[in-house]
Amino acid sequence: MTREKLPTRRPGLLRRLIFGGRPWDVQFGITWPRGRVAEIFISSTRSASDIEACARDGAILASRCLQHGDSIEEMAKSITREDDGKPTTIIGAALDLVASEAKKVAADFGLQGGGLGE
């Protein structure tokens, strides 16, 4: 599938997530009016750390997958999880958060895509 070209200006939401005992900012962009998550950004208060670089790179890869047609829900289901079902990495935790928040946004605004891929 061809990569989706995103509009220059697009709405985004920012959420704070605590993972591994540290705060992370997770921002995601949604395409309107379909309500599909199109990009994710992850950053930490501890910039320039190896784990933050891995989180940023994971978000870039997730964004490219979203722009090639994967849904946030499909990606969240595919990540490594602990025995209790919790995500093992910050990337997995961010995907879970975005999938949950996108559903809420879609419901609040009556968007067609349900916040997920189509």
PDB file of N, CA and C in Angstrom:
ATOM      1  N   MET A   1       0.834  -1.178   0.000  1.00  0.00           N
ATOM      2  CA  MET A   1       0.000   0.000   0.000  1.00  0.00           C
ATOM      3  C   MET A   1       0.882   1.245   0.000  1.00  0.00           C
ATOM      4  N   THR A   2       0.430   2.264  -0.688  1.00  0.00           N
ATOM      5  CA  THR A   2       1.138   3.533  -0.756  1.00  0.00           C
ATOM      6  C   THR A   2       0.976   4.296   0.556  1.00  0.00           C
ATOM      7  N   ARG A   3       2.014   4.992   0.933  1.00  0.00           N
ATOM      8  CA  ARG A   3       1.967   5.775   2.172  1.00  0.00           C
ATOM      9  C   ARG A   3       0.993   6.940   2.022  1.00  0.00           C
ATOM     10  N   GLU A   4       0.132   7.108   3.017  1.00  0.00           N
ATOM     11  CA  GLU A   4      -0.848   8.185   3.030  1.00  0.00           C
ATOM     12  C   GLU A   4      -0.153   9.527   3.232  1.00  0.00           C
ATOM     13  N   LYS A   5      -0.468  10.484   2.368  1.00  0.00           N
ATOM     14  CA  LYS A   5       0.065  11.838   2.538  1.00  0.00           C
ATOM     15  C   LYS A   5      -0.822  12.565   3.538  1.00  0.00           C
ATOM     16  N   LEU A   6      -0.220  13.066   4.597  1.00  0.00           N
ATOM     17  CA  LEU A   6      -0.973  13.756   5.643  1.00  0.00           C
ATOM     18  C   LEU A   6      -1.074  15.243   5.330  1.00  0.00           C
ATOM     19  N   PRO A   7      -2.190  15.860   5.730  1.00  0.00           N
ATOM     20  CA  PRO A   7      -2.304  17.305   5.543  1.00  0.00           C
ATOM     21  C   PRO A   7      -1.243  18.040   6.362  1.00  0.00           C
ATOM     22  N   THR A   8      -0.862  19.213   5.907  1.00  0.00           N
ATOM     23  CA  THR A   8       0.150  19.998   6.612  1.00  0.00           C
ATOM     24  C   THR A   8      -0.298  20.327   8.030  1.00  0.00           C
ATOM     25  N   ARG A   9      -1.549  20.698   8.180  1.00  0.00           N
ATOM     26  CA  ARG A   9      -2.111  20.995   9.504  1.00  0.00           C
ATOM     27  C   ARG A   9      -3.117  19.910   9.846  1.00  0.00           C
ATOM     28  N   ARG A  10      -2.968  19.348  11.024  1.00  0.00           N
ATOM     29  CA  ARG A  10      -3.889  18.295  11.456  1.00  0.00           C
ATOM     30  C   ARG A  10      -3.995  18.330  12.974  1.00  0.00           C
ATOM     31  N   PRO A  11      -5.155  17.947  13.487  1.00  0.00           N
ATOM     32  CA  PRO A  11      -5.339  17.970  14.939  1.00  0.00           C
ATOM     33  C   PRO A  11      -4.511  16.894  15.630  1.00  0.00           C
ATOM     34  N   GLY A  12      -4.097  17.203  16.826  1.00  0.00           N
ATOM     35  CA  GLY A  12      -3.364  16.240  17.633  1.00  0.00           C
ATOM     36  C   GLY A  12      -3.746  16.367  19.096  1.00  0.00           C
ATOM     37  N   LEU A  13      -3.554  15.306  19.815  1.00  0.00           N
ATOM     38  CA  LEU A  13      -3.837  15.284  21.251  1.00  0.00           C
ATOM     39  C   LEU A  13      -2.579  14.872  21.992  1.00  0.00           C
ATOM     40  N   LEU A  14      -2.393  15.435  23.167  1.00  0.00           N
ATOM     41  CA  LEU A  14      -1.236  15.137  24.006  1.00  0.00           C
ATOM     42  C   LEU A  14      -1.723  14.524  25.308  1.00  0.00           C
ATOM     43  N   ARG A  15      -1.135  13.402  25.680  1.00  0.00           N
ATOM     44  CA  ARG A  15      -1.473  12.731  26.935  1.00  0.00           C
ATOM     45  C   ARG A  15      -0.187  12.413  27.685  1.00  0.00           C
ATOM     46  N   ARG A  16      -0.266  12.432  29.007  1.00  0.00           N
ATOM     47  CA  ARG A  16       0.862  12.060  29.865  1.00  0.00           C
ATOM     48  C   ARG A  16       0.671  10.613  30.284  1.00  0.00           C
ATOM     49  N   LEU A  17       1.736   9.843  30.251  1.00  0.00           N
ATOM     50  CA  LEU A  17       1.716   8.426  30.592  1.00  0.00           C
ATOM     51  C   LEU A  17       2.861   8.163  31.562  1.00  0.00           C
ATOM     52  N   ILE A  18       2.590   7.414  32.610  1.00  0.00           N
ATOM     53  CA  ILE A  18       3.660   6.984  33.517  1.00  0.00           C
ATOM     54  C   ILE A  18       3.982   5.536  33.169  1.00  0.00           C
ATOM     55  N   PHE A  19       5.232   5.298  32.802  1.00  0.00           N
ATOM     56  CA  PHE A  19       5.668   3.940  32.476  1.00  0.00           C
ATOM     57  C   PHE A  19       7.077   3.756  33.022  1.00  0.00           C
ATOM     58  N   GLY A  20       7.310   2.643  33.693  1.00  0.00           N
ATOM     59  CA  GLY A  20       8.624   2.381  34.263  1.00  0.00           C
ATOM     60  C   GLY A  20       9.009   3.411  35.315  1.00  0.00           C
ATOM     61  N   GLY A  21       7.998   3.976  35.983  1.00  0.00           N
ATOM     62  CA  GLY A  21       8.251   4.946  37.035  1.00  0.00           C
ATOM     63  C   GLY A  21       8.638   6.335  36.553  1.00  0.00           C
ATOM     64  N   ARG A  22       8.493   6.595  35.254  1.00  0.00           N
ATOM     65  CA  ARG A  22       8.873   7.904  34.732  1.00  0.00           C
ATOM     66  C   ARG A  22       7.778   8.437  33.811  1.00  0.00           C
ATOM     67  N   PRO A  23       7.618   9.763  33.771  1.00  0.00           N
ATOM     68  CA  PRO A  23       6.584  10.347  32.915  1.00  0.00           C
ATOM     69  C   PRO A  23       7.014  10.396  31.444  1.00  0.00           C
ATOM     70  N   TRP A  24       6.057  10.130  30.587  1.00  0.00           N
ATOM     71  CA  TRP A  24       6.254  10.193  29.143  1.00  0.00           C
ATOM     72  C   TRP A  24       5.121  11.018  28.544  1.00  0.00           C
ATOM     73  N   ASP A  25       5.420  11.795  27.532  1.00  0.00           N
ATOM     74  CA  ASP A  25       4.393  12.512  26.781  1.00  0.00           C
ATOM     75  C   ASP A  25       4.146  11.754  25.483  1.00  0.00           C
ATOM     76  N   VAL A  26       2.882  11.458  25.239  1.00  0.00           N
ATOM     77  CA  VAL A  26       2.479  10.747  24.031  1.00  0.00           C
ATOM     78  C   VAL A  26       1.520  11.661  23.275  1.00  0.00           C
ATOM     79  N   GLN A  27       1.914  12.032  22.081  1.00  0.00           N
ATOM     80  CA  GLN A  27       1.062  12.873  21.242  1.00  0.00           C
ATOM     81  C   GLN A  27       0.665  12.066  20.017  1.00  0.00           C
ATOM     82  N   PHE A  28      -0.588  12.230  19.584  1.00  0.00           N
ATOM     83  CA  PHE A  28      -1.014  11.524  18.377  1.00  0.00           C
ATOM     84  C   PHE A  28      -1.902  12.414  17.531  1.00  0.00           C
ATOM     85  N   GLY A  29      -1.762  12.240  16.221  1.00  0.00           N
ATOM     86  CA  GLY A  29      -2.548  13.006  15.264  1.00  0.00           C
ATOM     87  C   GLY A  29      -3.637  12.140  14.668  1.00  0.00           C
ATOM     88  N   ILE A  30      -4.773  12.773  14.404  1.00  0.00           N
ATOM     89  CA  ILE A  30      -5.934  12.072  13.857  1.00  0.00           C
ATOM     90  C   ILE A  30      -6.341  12.748  12.556  1.00  0.00           C
ATOM     91  N   THR A  31      -6.665  11.942  11.540  1.00  0.00           N
ATOM     92  CA  THR A  31      -7.176  12.498  10.291  1.00  0.00           C
ATOM     93  C   THR A  31      -8.677  12.702  10.421  1.00  0.00           C
ATOM     94  N   TRP A  32      -9.163  13.814   9.913  1.00  0.00           N
ATOM     95  CA  TRP A  32     -10.591  14.143   9.976  1.00  0.00           C
ATOM     96  C   TRP A  32     -11.139  14.125   8.570  1.00  0.00           C
ATOM     97  N   PRO A  33     -12.370  13.744   8.306  1.00  0.00           N
ATOM     98  CA  PRO A  33     -13.393  13.362   9.272  1.00  0.00           C
ATOM     99  C   PRO A  33     -13.401  11.872   9.594  1.00  0.00           C
ATOM    100  N   ARG A  34     -12.443  11.132   9.039  1.00  0.00           N
ATOM    101  CA  ARG A  34     -12.456   9.680   9.257  1.00  0.00           C
ATOM    102  C   ARG A  34     -12.144   9.290  10.690  1.00  0.00           C
ATOM    103  N   GLY A  35     -11.379  10.092  11.384  1.00  0.00           N
ATOM    104  CA  GLY A  35     -11.069   9.787  12.772  1.00  0.00           C
ATOM    105  C   GLY A  35     -10.049   8.683  12.939  1.00  0.00           C
ATOM    106  N   ARG A  36      -9.126   8.571  11.980  1.00  0.00           N
ATOM    107  CA  ARG A  36      -8.119   7.521  12.040  1.00  0.00           C
ATOM    108  C   ARG A  36      -6.812   8.083  12.586  1.00  0.00           C
ATOM    109  N   VAL A  37      -6.198   7.352  13.503  1.00  0.00           N
ATOM    110  CA  VAL A  37      -4.888   7.755  14.031  1.00  0.00           C
ATOM    111  C   VAL A  37      -3.874   7.649  12.896  1.00  0.00           C
ATOM    112  N   ALA A  38      -3.097   8.721  12.687  1.00  0.00           N
ATOM    113  CA  ALA A  38      -2.166   8.760  11.567  1.00  0.00           C
ATOM    114  C   ALA A  38      -0.706   8.901  11.985  1.00  0.00           C
ATOM    115  N   GLU A  39      -0.464   9.298  13.235  1.00  0.00           N
ATOM    116  CA  GLU A  39       0.919   9.473  13.679  1.00  0.00           C
ATOM    117  C   GLU A  39       0.980   9.485  15.203  1.00  0.00           C
ATOM    118  N   ILE A  40       2.162   9.114  15.709  1.00  0.00           N
ATOM    119  CA  ILE A  40       2.400   9.070  17.151  1.00  0.00           C
ATOM    120  C   ILE A  40       3.781   9.660  17.424  1.00  0.00           C
ATOM    121  N   PHE A  41       3.871  10.411  18.521  1.00  0.00           N
ATOM    122  CA  PHE A  41       5.146  10.945  18.988  1.00  0.00           C
ATOM    123  C   PHE A  41       5.284  10.595  20.467  1.00  0.00           C
ATOM    124  N   ILE A  42       6.476  10.165  20.880  1.00  0.00           N
ATOM    125  CA  ILE A  42       6.738   9.830  22.278  1.00  0.00           C
ATOM    126  C   ILE A  42       7.979  10.600  22.723  1.00  0.00           C
ATOM    127  N   SER A  43       7.880  11.270  23.871  1.00  0.00           N
ATOM    128  CA  SER A  43       9.047  11.958  24.423  1.00  0.00           C
ATOM    129  C   SER A  43       9.045  11.807  25.938  1.00  0.00           C
ATOM    130  N   SER A  44      10.219  12.009  26.513  1.00  0.00           N
ATOM    131  CA  SER A  44      10.403  11.847  27.948  1.00  0.00           C
ATOM    132  C   SER A  44      10.968  13.127  28.539  1.00  0.00           C
ATOM    133  N   THR A  45      10.800  13.260  29.843  1.00  0.00           N
ATOM    134  CA  THR A  45      11.414  14.396  30.529  1.00  0.00           C
ATOM    135  C   THR A  45      12.928  14.223  30.615  1.00  0.00           C
ATOM    136  N   ARG A  46      13.397  13.017  30.401  1.00  0.00           N
ATOM    137  CA  ARG A  46      14.834  12.723  30.438  1.00  0.00           C
ATOM    138  C   ARG A  46      15.340  12.601  29.001  1.00  0.00           C
ATOM    139  N   SER A  47      15.461  13.748  28.338  1.00  0.00           N
ATOM    140  CA  SER A  47      15.847  13.734  26.932  1.00  0.00           C
ATOM    141  C   SER A  47      17.293  13.286  26.771  1.00  0.00           C
ATOM    142  N   ALA A  48      17.596  12.854  25.579  1.00  0.00           N
ATOM    143  CA  ALA A  48      18.927  12.380  25.195  1.00  0.00           C
ATOM    144  C   ALA A  48      19.304  11.051  25.833  1.00  0.00           C
ATOM    145  N   SER A  49      18.344  10.353  26.418  1.00  0.00           N
ATOM    146  CA  SER A  49      18.644   9.033  26.966  1.00  0.00           C
ATOM    147  C   SER A  49      18.426   7.979  25.879  1.00  0.00           C
ATOM    148  N   ASP A  50      19.079   6.834  26.036  1.00  0.00           N
ATOM    149  CA  ASP A  50      18.931   5.746  25.064  1.00  0.00           C
ATOM    150  C   ASP A  50      17.492   5.268  24.975  1.00  0.00           C
ATOM    151  N   ILE A  51      16.819   5.163  26.114  1.00  0.00           N
ATOM    152  CA  ILE A  51      15.444   4.663  26.111  1.00  0.00           C
ATOM    153  C   ILE A  51      14.518   5.651  25.412  1.00  0.00           C
ATOM    154  N   GLU A  52      14.771   6.953  25.577  1.00  0.00           N
ATOM    155  CA  GLU A  52      13.933   7.926  24.867  1.00  0.00           C
ATOM    156  C   GLU A  52      14.172   7.840  23.362  1.00  0.00           C
ATOM    157  N   ALA A  53      15.408   7.647  22.951  1.00  0.00           N
ATOM    158  CA  ALA A  53      15.701   7.504  21.523  1.00  0.00           C
ATOM    159  C   ALA A  53      14.984   6.282  20.944  1.00  0.00           C
ATOM    160  N   CYS A  54      14.992   5.179  21.688  1.00  0.00           N
ATOM    161  CA  CYS A  54      14.275   3.975  21.238  1.00  0.00           C
ATOM    162  C   CYS A  54      12.772   4.229  21.159  1.00  0.00           C
ATOM    163  N   ALA A  55      12.236   4.953  22.129  1.00  0.00           N
ATOM    164  CA  ALA A  55      10.804   5.274  22.129  1.00  0.00           C
ATOM    165  C   ALA A  55      10.453   6.155  20.935  1.00  0.00           C
ATOM    166  N   ARG A  56      11.273   7.163  20.674  1.00  0.00           N
ATOM    167  CA  ARG A  56      11.025   8.040  19.516  1.00  0.00           C
ATOM    168  C   ARG A  56      11.073   7.250  18.216  1.00  0.00           C
ATOM    169  N   ASP A  57      12.095   6.388  18.083  1.00  0.00           N
ATOM    170  CA  ASP A  57      12.208   5.581  16.866  1.00  0.00           C
ATOM    171  C   ASP A  57      11.035   4.618  16.719  1.00  0.00           C
ATOM    172  N   GLY A  58      10.590   4.033  17.830  1.00  0.00           N
ATOM    173  CA  GLY A  58       9.422   3.152  17.790  1.00  0.00           C
ATOM    174  C   GLY A  58       8.177   3.897  17.345  1.00  0.00           C
ATOM    175  N   ALA A  59       8.030   5.136  17.805  1.00  0.00           N
ATOM    176  CA  ALA A  59       6.881   5.953  17.404  1.00  0.00           C
ATOM    177  C   ALA A  59       6.950   6.302  15.921  1.00  0.00           C
ATOM    178  N   ILE A  60       8.143   6.562  15.419  1.00  0.00           N
ATOM    179  CA  ILE A  60       8.309   6.840  13.987  1.00  0.00           C
ATOM    180  C   ILE A  60       7.893   5.621  13.169  1.00  0.00           C
ATOM    181  N   LEU A  61       8.354   4.445  13.577  1.00  0.00           N
ATOM    182  CA  LEU A  61       7.982   3.221  12.860  1.00  0.00           C
ATOM    183  C   LEU A  61       6.483   2.966  12.941  1.00  0.00           C
ATOM    184  N   ALA A  62       5.899   3.184  14.117  1.00  0.00           N
ATOM    185  CA  ALA A  62       4.448   3.008  14.271  1.00  0.00           C
ATOM    186  C   ALA A  62       3.705   3.989  13.370  1.00  0.00           C
ATOM    187  N   SER A  63       4.166   5.226  13.302  1.00  0.00           N
ATOM    188  CA  SER A  63       3.528   6.232  12.449  1.00  0.00           C
ATOM    189  C   SER A  63       3.578   5.816  10.983  1.00  0.00           C
ATOM    190  N   ARG A  64       4.711   5.306  10.554  1.00  0.00           N
ATOM    191  CA  ARG A  64       4.817   4.855   9.160  1.00  0.00           C
ATOM    192  C   ARG A  64       3.874   3.681   8.893  1.00  0.00           C
ATOM    193  N   CYS A  65       3.756   2.775   9.843  1.00  0.00           N
ATOM    194  CA  CYS A  65       2.804   1.659   9.688  1.00  0.00           C
ATOM    195  C   CYS A  65       1.374   2.186   9.581  1.00  0.00           C
ATOM    196  N   LEU A  66       1.019   3.160  10.418  1.00  0.00           N
ATOM    197  CA  LEU A  66      -0.318   3.758  10.368  1.00  0.00           C
ATOM    198  C   LEU A  66      -0.570   4.399   9.010  1.00  0.00           C
ATOM    199  N   GLN A  67       0.437   5.069   8.480  1.00  0.00           N
ATOM    200  CA  GLN A  67       0.288   5.762   7.202  1.00  0.00           C
ATOM    201  C   GLN A  67       0.282   4.805   6.013  1.00  0.00           C
ATOM    202  N   HIS A  68       0.652   3.554   6.255  1.00  0.00           N
ATOM    203  CA  HIS A  68       0.576   2.522   5.216  1.00  0.00           C
ATOM    204  C   HIS A  68      -0.641   1.619   5.393  1.00  0.00           C
ATOM    205  N   GLY A  69      -1.526   1.958   6.332  1.00  0.00           N
ATOM    206  CA  GLY A  69      -2.791   1.243   6.433  1.00  0.00           C
ATOM    207  C   GLY A  69      -3.002   0.372   7.651  1.00  0.00           C
ATOM    208  N   ASP A  70      -1.970   0.147   8.474  1.00  0.00           N
ATOM    209  CA  ASP A  70      -2.190  -0.616   9.708  1.00  0.00           C
ATOM    210  C   ASP A  70      -3.030   0.221  10.669  1.00  0.00           C
ATOM    211  N   SER A  71      -3.799  -0.427  11.506  1.00  0.00           N
ATOM    212  CA  SER A  71      -4.579   0.318  12.500  1.00  0.00           C
ATOM    213  C   SER A  71      -3.840   0.317  13.834  1.00  0.00           C
ATOM    214  N   ILE A  72      -4.138   1.302  14.645  1.00  0.00           N
ATOM    215  CA  ILE A  72      -3.537   1.389  15.977  1.00  0.00           C
ATOM    216  C   ILE A  72      -3.928   0.165  16.797  1.00  0.00           C
ATOM    217  N   GLU A  73      -5.151  -0.311  16.613  1.00  0.00           N
ATOM    218  CA  GLU A  73      -5.626  -1.481  17.344  1.00  0.00           C
ATOM    219  C   GLU A  73      -4.840  -2.736  16.956  1.00  0.00           C
ATOM    220  N   GLU A  74      -4.582  -2.919  15.661  1.00  0.00           N
ATOM    221  CA  GLU A  74      -3.800  -4.077  15.206  1.00  0.00           C
ATOM    222  C   GLU A  74      -2.395  -4.050  15.800  1.00  0.00           C
ATOM    223  N   MET A  75      -1.790  -2.880  15.805  1.00  0.00           N
ATOM    224  CA  MET A  75      -0.436  -2.777  16.346  1.00  0.00           C
ATOM    225  C   MET A  75      -0.423  -3.022  17.843  1.00  0.00           C
ATOM    226  N   ALA A  76      -1.398  -2.478  18.564  1.00  0.00           N
ATOM    227  CA  ALA A  76      -1.458  -2.682  20.016  1.00  0.00           C
ATOM    228  C   ALA A  76      -1.621  -4.163  20.357  1.00  0.00           C
ATOM    229  N   LYS A  77      -2.357  -4.894  19.541  1.00  0.00           N
ATOM    230  CA  LYS A  77      -2.544  -6.333  19.779  1.00  0.00           C
ATOM    231  C   LYS A  77      -1.267  -7.129  19.514  1.00  0.00           C
ATOM    232  N   SER A  78      -0.357  -6.577  18.709  1.00  0.00           N
ATOM    233  CA  SER A  78       0.832  -7.309  18.266  1.00  0.00           C
ATOM    234  C   SER A  78       2.049  -7.163  19.171  1.00  0.00           C
ATOM    235  N   ILE A  79       1.989  -6.290  20.149  1.00  0.00           N
ATOM    236  CA  ILE A  79       3.175  -6.008  20.963  1.00  0.00           C
ATOM    237  C   ILE A  79       3.421  -7.092  22.020  1.00  0.00           C
ATOM    238  N   THR A  80       4.637  -7.110  22.539  1.00  0.00           N
ATOM    239  CA  THR A  80       5.002  -8.035  23.605  1.00  0.00           C
ATOM    240  C   THR A  80       4.328  -7.597  24.898  1.00  0.00           C
ATOM    241  N   ARG A  81       3.770  -8.577  25.606  1.00  0.00           N
ATOM    242  CA  ARG A  81       3.056  -8.285  26.852  1.00  0.00           C
ATOM    243  C   ARG A  81       3.553  -9.198  27.972  1.00  0.00           C
ATOM    244  N   GLU A  82       3.383  -8.710  29.198  1.00  0.00           N
ATOM    245  CA  GLU A  82       3.687  -9.496  30.390  1.00  0.00           C
ATOM    246  C   GLU A  82       2.587 -10.539  30.583  1.00  0.00           C
ATOM    247  N   ASP A  83       2.783 -11.440  31.532  1.00  0.00           N
ATOM    248  CA  ASP A  83       1.781 -12.475  31.811  1.00  0.00           C
ATOM    249  C   ASP A  83       0.427 -11.890  32.192  1.00  0.00           C
ATOM    250  N   ASP A  84       0.433 -10.705  32.812  1.00  0.00           N
ATOM    251  CA  ASP A  84      -0.828 -10.077  33.227  1.00  0.00           C
ATOM    252  C   ASP A  84      -1.479  -9.251  32.110  1.00  0.00           C
ATOM    253  N   GLY A  85      -0.870  -9.247  30.927  1.00  0.00           N
ATOM    254  CA  GLY A  85      -1.436  -8.532  29.789  1.00  0.00           C
ATOM    255  C   GLY A  85      -0.934  -7.113  29.607  1.00  0.00           C
ATOM    256  N   LYS A  86      -0.158  -6.618  30.565  1.00  0.00           N
ATOM    257  CA  LYS A  86       0.373  -5.256  30.447  1.00  0.00           C
ATOM    258  C   LYS A  86       1.505  -5.228  29.419  1.00  0.00           C
ATOM    259  N   PRO A  87       1.659  -4.103  28.707  1.00  0.00           N
ATOM    260  CA  PRO A  87       2.739  -4.011  27.723  1.00  0.00           C
ATOM    261  C   PRO A  87       4.109  -4.036  28.393  1.00  0.00           C
ATOM    262  N   THR A  88       5.076  -4.620  27.708  1.00  0.00           N
ATOM    263  CA  THR A  88       6.428  -4.749  28.233  1.00  0.00           C
ATOM    264  C   THR A  88       7.250  -3.474  28.039  1.00  0.00           C
ATOM    265  N   THR A  89       6.946  -2.705  27.005  1.00  0.00           N
ATOM    266  CA  THR A  89       7.756  -1.532  26.666  1.00  0.00           C
ATOM    267  C   THR A  89       6.927  -0.254  26.653  1.00  0.00           C
ATOM    268  N   ILE A  90       7.618   0.870  26.652  1.00  0.00           N
ATOM    269  CA  ILE A  90       6.947   2.165  26.540  1.00  0.00           C
ATOM    270  C   ILE A  90       6.214   2.269  25.212  1.00  0.00           C
ATOM    271  N   ILE A  91       6.746   1.687  24.175  1.00  0.00           N
ATOM    272  CA  ILE A  91       6.074   1.739  22.872  1.00  0.00           C
ATOM    273  C   ILE A  91       4.726   1.031  22.957  1.00  0.00           C
ATOM    274  N   GLY A  92       4.702  -0.131  23.576  1.00  0.00           N
ATOM    275  CA  GLY A  92       3.445  -0.851  23.751  1.00  0.00           C
ATOM    276  C   GLY A  92       2.466  -0.090  24.619  1.00  0.00           C
ATOM    277  N   ALA A  93       2.966   0.516  25.689  1.00  0.00           N
ATOM    278  CA  ALA A  93       2.094   1.305  26.568  1.00  0.00           C
ATOM    279  C   ALA A  93       1.511   2.498  25.813  1.00  0.00           C
ATOM    280  N   ALA A  94       2.320   3.134  24.971  1.00  0.00           N
ATOM    281  CA  ALA A  94       1.837   4.266  24.178  1.00  0.00           C
ATOM    282  C   ALA A  94       0.783   3.816  23.169  1.00  0.00           C
ATOM    283  N   LEU A  95       1.001   2.677  22.525  1.00  0.00           N
ATOM    284  CA  LEU A  95       0.007   2.164  21.570  1.00  0.00           C
ATOM    285  C   LEU A  95      -1.314   1.870  22.267  1.00  0.00           C
ATOM    286  N   ASP A  96      -1.248   1.259  23.443  1.00  0.00           N
ATOM    287  CA  ASP A  96      -2.475   0.993  24.208  1.00  0.00           C
ATOM    288  C   ASP A  96      -3.195   2.294  24.557  1.00  0.00           C
ATOM    289  N   LEU A  97      -2.439   3.279  25.033  1.00  0.00           N
ATOM    290  CA  LEU A  97      -3.020   4.564  25.406  1.00  0.00           C
ATOM    291  C   LEU A  97      -3.687   5.236  24.206  1.00  0.00           C
ATOM    292  N   VAL A  98      -2.985   5.280  23.092  1.00  0.00           N
ATOM    293  CA  VAL A  98      -3.524   5.945  21.906  1.00  0.00           C
ATOM    294  C   VAL A  98      -4.762   5.218  21.390  1.00  0.00           C
ATOM    295  N   ALA A  99      -4.741   3.888  21.377  1.00  0.00           N
ATOM    296  CA  ALA A  99      -5.917   3.131  20.926  1.00  0.00           C
ATOM    297  C   ALA A  99      -7.127   3.461  21.790  1.00  0.00           C
ATOM    298  N   SER A 100      -6.934   3.513  23.092  1.00  0.00           N
ATOM    299  CA  SER A 100      -8.023   3.822  24.017  1.00  0.00           C
ATOM    300  C   SER A 100      -8.517   5.260  23.851  1.00  0.00           C
ATOM    301  N   GLU A 101      -7.598   6.205  23.791  1.00  0.00           N
ATOM    302  CA  GLU A 101      -7.959   7.621  23.665  1.00  0.00           C
ATOM    303  C   GLU A 101      -8.615   7.911  22.318  1.00  0.00           C
ATOM    304  N   ALA A 102      -8.149   7.273  21.262  1.00  0.00           N
ATOM    305  CA  ALA A 102      -8.715   7.503  19.933  1.00  0.00           C
ATOM    306  C   ALA A 102     -10.169   7.044  19.870  1.00  0.00           C
ATOM    307  N   LYS A 103     -10.484   5.949  20.543  1.00  0.00           N
ATOM    308  CA  LYS A 103     -11.879   5.488  20.594  1.00  0.00           C
ATOM    309  C   LYS A 103     -12.761   6.523  21.281  1.00  0.00           C
ATOM    310  N   LYS A 104     -12.251   7.109  22.365  1.00  0.00           N
ATOM    311  CA  LYS A 104     -13.018   8.134  23.089  1.00  0.00           C
ATOM    312  C   LYS A 104     -13.251   9.366  22.213  1.00  0.00           C
ATOM    313  N   VAL A 105     -12.211   9.805  21.525  1.00  0.00           N
ATOM    314  CA  VAL A 105     -12.323  10.975  20.655  1.00  0.00           C
ATOM    315  C   VAL A 105     -13.328  10.703  19.542  1.00  0.00           C
ATOM    316  N   ALA A 106     -13.234   9.530  18.938  1.00  0.00           N
ATOM    317  CA  ALA A 106     -14.157   9.178  17.855  1.00  0.00           C
ATOM    318  C   ALA A 106     -15.597   9.175  18.348  1.00  0.00           C
ATOM    319  N   ALA A 107     -15.817   8.628  19.534  1.00  0.00           N
ATOM    320  CA  ALA A 107     -17.175   8.594  20.094  1.00  0.00           C
ATOM    321  C   ALA A 107     -17.663  10.005  20.424  1.00  0.00           C
ATOM    322  N   ASP A 108     -16.797  10.823  21.005  1.00  0.00           N
ATOM    323  CA  ASP A 108     -17.173  12.190  21.378  1.00  0.00           C
ATOM    324  C   ASP A 108     -17.552  13.046  20.168  1.00  0.00           C
ATOM    325  N   PHE A 109     -16.858  12.821  19.047  1.00  0.00           N
ATOM    326  CA  PHE A 109     -17.072  13.662  17.871  1.00  0.00           C
ATOM    327  C   PHE A 109     -17.842  12.959  16.753  1.00  0.00           C
ATOM    328  N   GLY A 110     -18.275  11.722  17.000  1.00  0.00           N
ATOM    329  CA  GLY A 110     -19.041  10.990  15.993  1.00  0.00           C
ATOM    330  C   GLY A 110     -18.257  10.740  14.715  1.00  0.00           C
ATOM    331  N   LEU A 111     -16.964  10.441  14.859  1.00  0.00           N
ATOM    332  CA  LEU A 111     -16.122  10.214  13.689  1.00  0.00           C
ATOM    333  C   LEU A 111     -16.367   8.836  13.100  1.00  0.00           C
ATOM    334  N   GLN A 112     -16.181   8.728  11.810  1.00  0.00           N
ATOM    335  CA  GLN A 112     -16.487   7.506  11.085  1.00  0.00           C
ATOM    336  C   GLN A 112     -15.553   6.353  11.415  1.00  0.00           C
ATOM    337  N   GLY A 113     -14.279   6.622  11.577  1.00  0.00           N
ATOM    338  CA  GLY A 113     -13.302   5.557  11.706  1.00  0.00           C
ATOM    339  C   GLY A 113     -13.226   4.922  13.080  1.00  0.00           C
ATOM    340  N   GLY A 114     -13.977   5.416  14.039  1.00  0.00           N
ATOM    341  CA  GLY A 114     -13.919   4.864  15.379  1.00  0.00           C
ATOM    342  C   GLY A 114     -12.572   5.054  16.031  1.00  0.00           C
ATOM    343  N   GLY A 115     -11.750   5.944  15.459  1.00  0.00           N
ATOM    344  CA  GLY A 115     -10.430   6.196  16.007  1.00  0.00           C
ATOM    345  C   GLY A 115      -9.391   5.199  15.550  1.00  0.00           C
ATOM    346  N   LEU A 116      -9.822   4.217  14.770  1.00  0.00           N
ATOM    347  CA  LEU A 116      -8.923   3.156  14.354  1.00  0.00           C
ATOM    348  C   LEU A 116      -8.792   3.140  12.847  1.00  0.00           C
ATOM    349  N   GLY A 117      -7.984   2.240  12.356  1.00  0.00           N
ATOM    350  CA  GLY A 117      -7.856   2.078  10.911  1.00  0.00           C
ATOM    351  C   GLY A 117      -9.151   1.574  10.321  1.00  0.00           C
ATOM    352  N   GLU A 118      -9.272   1.769   9.024  1.00  0.00           N
ATOM    353  CA  GLU A 118     -10.532   1.378   8.380  1.00  0.00           C
ATOM    354  C   GLU A 118     -10.398   0.041   7.718  1.00  0.00           C
TER     355      GLU A 118
END
